[in-house]
Amino acid sequence: MGGRPLIGVSTYLETGTRWGVWELEAALLPAAYPRLVQRAGGLACMLPPDDPGLAAAAVARLDGLVVAGGPDVDPGRYGAGRDPRTGPPAPARDAWELALIHAALASGTPLLGICRGMQLLNVALGGTLVQHLEGHTEAVGVFGAHPVKPVPGTLYASLVPEGVSVPTYHHQSVARLGRGLLPSAHAEDGTVEAVELPAHRGWVIGVQWHPEMGQDPRVMRGLVSAAG
């Protein structure tokens, strides 16, 4: 690997996907994710949904883990009824990524959750989600931008000490924080935009925005550095 840490990135699993003459089920990952890992000095590999019982073995081969953005987490995972504005469930992906998160936490593998990944980290630790939030999506299929402010003294603030504008596309957010998680950045409306696990023996951060859609690699560099 030329000294580059191996960073696994979870993927979508979609049906009816078409490319060329083919229309088949596909494991998909927007190219911006591996490109950001590469820019940050890591070697990216894809982790499509699999048997959750294999998650610990998969994580054992990695130096770091990214849980990527994607569909809404099934509210049944945090004991809530379904809001009519919550998207369709992705049970295979929920099960696989929750298993990956628990494996990374158990092994001390550096972990970065992005958008859905941050929400799923919160759920994995017993937290809950706001199922619909206005003002954090520009339009359907269009990323917006808004400022986030770091919480002084946090790991996130050590990586990005100043307030920055971030690419955003989400309609859900953290409600009750999971066990041990602390907020490390907020939007102007008070929405928790980053979380971390300071008491953990590894490097664990979740961000609600999409760093892969911007030009700031500092959070991913933090993961790759910890993974190295």
Protein backbone atom coordinates (compact mmCIF):
# COMPACT_ATOMS: atom_id res chain seq x y z
CA MET A 1 0.00 0.00 0.00
CA GLY A 2 3.01 2.29 -0.12
CA GLY A 3 2.56 3.20 3.54
CA ARG A 4 -0.95 4.57 2.99
CA PRO A 5 -3.51 3.55 5.64
CA LEU A 6 -6.35 1.39 4.31
CA ILE A 7 -9.67 3.18 4.84
CA GLY A 8 -12.90 1.23 4.33
CA VAL A 9 -15.95 3.20 3.18
CA SER A 10 -19.45 1.74 3.45
CA THR A 11 -21.60 1.80 0.31
CA TYR A 12 -25.12 1.90 -1.01
CA LEU A 13 -26.83 -1.22 -2.36
CA GLU A 14 -29.25 -0.19 -5.10
CA THR A 15 -31.58 -2.04 -7.46
CA GLY A 16 -32.47 -0.99 -10.99
CA THR A 17 -29.12 0.75 -11.52
CA ARG A 18 -28.23 1.24 -15.16
CA TRP A 19 -24.85 1.72 -16.83
CA GLY A 20 -24.03 0.94 -20.43
CA VAL A 21 -26.32 -1.90 -21.53
CA TRP A 22 -26.71 -3.24 -17.97
CA GLU A 23 -29.46 -2.78 -15.41
CA LEU A 24 -28.44 -4.70 -12.30
CA GLU A 25 -28.29 -4.47 -8.53
CA ALA A 26 -25.16 -2.49 -7.71
CA ALA A 27 -22.97 -1.59 -4.75
CA LEU A 28 -22.44 2.14 -5.24
CA LEU A 29 -20.31 4.87 -3.72
CA PRO A 30 -20.10 8.44 -5.03
CA ALA A 31 -16.56 8.94 -6.31
CA ALA A 32 -16.12 11.98 -4.08
CA TYR A 33 -15.67 9.67 -1.06
CA PRO A 34 -12.63 7.71 -2.29
CA ARG A 35 -11.21 10.88 -3.81
CA LEU A 36 -11.33 12.61 -0.42
CA VAL A 37 -9.67 9.59 1.22
CA GLN A 38 -6.97 9.71 -1.46
CA ARG A 39 -6.44 13.47 -1.08
CA ALA A 40 -6.04 12.93 2.66
CA GLY A 41 -3.31 10.32 2.12
CA GLY A 42 -5.29 7.10 2.50
CA LEU A 43 -6.05 4.12 0.29
CA ALA A 44 -9.82 3.65 -0.10
CA CYS A 45 -11.74 0.37 -0.32
CA MET A 46 -15.49 -0.21 -0.59
CA LEU A 47 -17.50 -2.10 2.04
CA PRO A 48 -20.87 -3.05 0.50
CA PRO A 49 -23.57 -4.50 2.77
CA ASP A 50 -22.68 -8.00 3.94
CA ASP A 51 -23.42 -10.45 6.73
CA PRO A 52 -23.24 -8.39 9.96
CA GLY A 53 -21.48 -11.34 11.57
CA LEU A 54 -18.49 -10.62 9.32
CA ALA A 55 -18.13 -6.97 10.35
CA ALA A 56 -15.45 -7.58 13.00
CA ALA A 57 -13.35 -9.57 10.53
CA ALA A 58 -13.71 -6.79 7.93
CA VAL A 59 -12.76 -4.04 10.38
CA ALA A 60 -9.76 -6.07 11.58
CA ARG A 61 -8.26 -5.72 8.09
CA LEU A 62 -8.71 -1.93 8.03
CA ASP A 63 -6.72 0.95 9.45
CA GLY A 64 -9.76 3.25 9.51
CA LEU A 65 -13.48 3.23 8.75
CA VAL A 66 -15.82 5.76 7.12
CA VAL A 67 -19.58 5.23 7.38
CA ALA A 68 -20.92 7.17 4.42
CA GLY A 69 -24.08 9.17 3.84
CA GLY A 70 -27.23 7.64 2.45
CA PRO A 71 -30.87 6.83 3.27
CA ASP A 72 -32.66 7.57 6.52
CA VAL A 73 -32.02 5.21 9.42
CA ASP A 74 -35.03 3.01 10.20
CA PRO A 75 -36.68 4.72 13.22
CA GLY A 76 -37.38 1.28 14.65
CA ARG A 77 -33.65 1.11 15.35
CA TYR A 78 -34.10 3.81 18.02
CA GLY A 79 -37.57 2.82 19.20
CA ALA A 80 -39.58 5.46 17.34
CA GLY A 81 -42.59 5.31 15.07
CA ARG A 82 -42.15 6.31 11.43
CA ASP A 83 -42.73 9.95 10.52
CA PRO A 84 -44.43 10.14 7.09
CA ARG A 85 -41.50 12.28 5.88
CA THR A 86 -38.92 9.61 6.75
CA GLY A 87 -37.56 7.83 3.69
CA PRO A 88 -37.91 4.12 2.92
CA PRO A 89 -35.87 1.74 5.10
CA ALA A 90 -32.58 0.14 4.07
CA PRO A 91 -32.50 -2.81 6.49
CA ALA A 92 -29.45 -4.58 5.03
CA ARG A 93 -27.40 -1.40 5.14
CA ASP A 94 -28.58 -0.47 8.65
CA ALA A 95 -27.62 -3.90 10.00
CA TRP A 96 -24.22 -3.98 8.27
CA GLU A 97 -23.18 -0.45 9.19
CA LEU A 98 -24.31 -0.79 12.80
CA ALA A 99 -22.18 -3.94 13.01
CA LEU A 100 -19.22 -2.09 11.45
CA ILE A 101 -19.58 0.74 13.96
CA HIS A 102 -19.71 -1.61 16.94
CA ALA A 103 -16.69 -3.50 15.60
CA ALA A 104 -14.70 -0.29 15.15
CA LEU A 105 -15.59 0.90 18.65
CA ALA A 106 -14.65 -2.47 20.15
CA SER A 107 -11.30 -2.59 18.37
CA GLY A 108 -10.33 1.07 18.67
CA THR A 109 -10.29 1.46 14.88
CA PRO A 110 -10.49 5.17 13.88
CA LEU A 111 -14.04 5.95 12.76
CA LEU A 112 -15.59 8.84 10.83
CA GLY A 113 -19.35 8.99 10.32
CA ILE A 114 -20.60 11.27 7.53
CA CYS A 115 -24.23 12.51 7.56
CA ARG A 116 -26.18 9.23 7.87
CA GLY A 117 -22.96 7.80 9.34
CA MET A 118 -23.05 10.33 12.19
CA GLN A 119 -26.74 9.59 12.80
CA LEU A 120 -26.10 5.85 12.83
CA LEU A 121 -23.18 6.30 15.26
CA ASN A 122 -25.58 8.14 17.57
CA VAL A 123 -28.18 5.36 17.24
CA ALA A 124 -25.54 2.66 17.81
CA LEU A 125 -24.82 4.26 21.17
CA GLY A 126 -28.47 4.46 22.20
CA GLY A 127 -29.30 7.93 20.89
CA THR A 128 -32.34 9.09 18.91
CA LEU A 129 -32.94 11.24 15.83
CA VAL A 130 -35.11 14.14 14.77
CA GLN A 131 -36.94 12.63 11.80
CA HIS A 132 -37.53 15.87 9.91
CA LEU A 133 -35.62 19.13 10.02
CA GLU A 134 -36.17 22.17 7.79
CA GLY A 135 -33.46 24.37 6.32
CA HIS A 136 -30.54 21.97 5.85
CA THR A 137 -31.28 20.95 2.25
CA GLU A 138 -31.12 23.40 -0.65
CA ALA A 139 -33.45 21.44 -2.97
CA VAL A 140 -33.96 17.84 -4.03
CA GLY A 141 -30.61 16.62 -5.34
CA VAL A 142 -28.87 19.95 -4.60
CA PHE A 143 -26.31 20.45 -1.83
CA GLY A 144 -26.66 23.61 0.20
CA ALA A 145 -24.13 25.32 2.47
CA HIS A 146 -24.24 26.81 5.94
CA PRO A 147 -21.74 27.73 8.66
CA VAL A 148 -20.85 25.46 11.57
CA LYS A 149 -19.03 26.54 14.71
CA PRO A 150 -16.67 24.20 16.59
CA VAL A 151 -16.97 23.63 20.33
CA PRO A 152 -13.66 24.78 21.90
CA GLY A 153 -11.52 22.05 23.41
CA THR A 154 -12.93 19.22 21.29
CA LEU A 155 -11.09 16.93 18.91
CA TYR A 156 -13.00 18.46 16.01
CA ALA A 157 -11.90 21.96 17.08
CA SER A 158 -8.29 20.78 17.10
CA LEU A 159 -8.70 19.85 13.41
CA VAL A 160 -10.83 22.83 12.34
CA PRO A 161 -10.48 25.57 14.97
CA GLU A 162 -12.48 28.22 13.11
CA GLY A 163 -16.08 28.39 11.96
CA VAL A 164 -16.47 27.21 8.36
CA SER A 165 -19.19 26.89 5.74
CA VAL A 166 -19.91 23.25 4.96
CA PRO A 167 -21.75 21.36 2.18
CA THR A 168 -25.03 20.08 3.58
CA TYR A 169 -27.85 17.80 2.49
CA HIS A 170 -29.91 16.26 5.28
CA HIS A 171 -33.38 16.45 6.77
CA GLN A 172 -32.69 14.49 9.95
CA SER A 173 -30.40 15.20 12.89
CA VAL A 174 -29.38 14.12 16.38
CA ALA A 175 -32.08 14.38 19.07
CA ARG A 176 -30.91 12.61 22.25
CA LEU A 177 -27.17 12.02 22.23
CA GLY A 178 -25.91 8.46 22.48
CA ARG A 179 -23.85 7.19 25.41
CA GLY A 180 -20.59 9.06 25.83
CA LEU A 181 -21.03 11.27 22.77
CA LEU A 182 -20.35 14.98 23.04
CA PRO A 183 -21.37 17.66 20.54
CA SER A 184 -18.31 19.22 18.92
CA ALA A 185 -19.89 21.63 16.39
CA HIS A 186 -23.24 23.37 15.92
CA ALA A 187 -25.12 25.13 13.14
CA GLU A 188 -26.48 28.63 13.73
CA ASP A 189 -29.92 27.17 14.52
CA GLY A 190 -28.43 25.00 17.27
CA THR A 191 -28.47 21.72 15.32
CA VAL A 192 -25.68 19.39 16.44
CA GLU A 193 -23.38 19.23 13.41
CA ALA A 194 -20.55 17.12 14.80
CA VAL A 195 -20.15 14.60 17.61
CA GLU A 196 -17.22 12.74 19.12
CA LEU A 197 -16.48 10.09 21.72
CA PRO A 198 -13.79 11.60 23.96
CA ALA A 199 -13.62 8.77 26.47
CA HIS A 200 -13.03 6.16 23.77
CA ARG A 201 -9.56 4.69 23.29
CA GLY A 202 -9.73 5.38 19.54
CA TRP A 203 -10.47 8.30 17.21
CA VAL A 204 -14.25 8.72 16.74
CA ILE A 205 -15.96 11.68 15.05
CA GLY A 206 -19.26 12.11 13.24
CA VAL A 207 -20.09 15.11 11.05
CA GLN A 208 -23.58 15.92 9.80
CA TRP A 209 -22.36 17.57 6.60
CA HIS A 210 -20.64 16.13 3.51
CA PRO A 211 -16.89 16.92 3.55
CA GLU A 212 -16.46 14.87 0.35
CA MET A 213 -18.46 17.55 -1.50
CA GLY A 214 -16.20 20.41 -0.36
CA GLN A 215 -12.58 21.45 -0.57
CA ASP A 216 -11.59 21.11 3.09
CA PRO A 217 -9.81 17.77 3.77
CA ARG A 218 -8.92 18.41 7.42
CA VAL A 219 -11.44 16.05 9.04
CA MET A 220 -10.51 13.21 6.69
CA ARG A 221 -6.83 13.98 7.20
CA GLY A 222 -7.46 13.60 10.93
CA LEU A 223 -8.92 10.13 10.36
CA VAL A 224 -6.10 9.06 8.02
CA SER A 225 -3.48 10.37 10.44
CA ALA A 226 -5.05 8.43 13.32
CA ALA A 227 -5.31 5.35 11.09
CA GLY A 228 -1.62 5.60 10.26
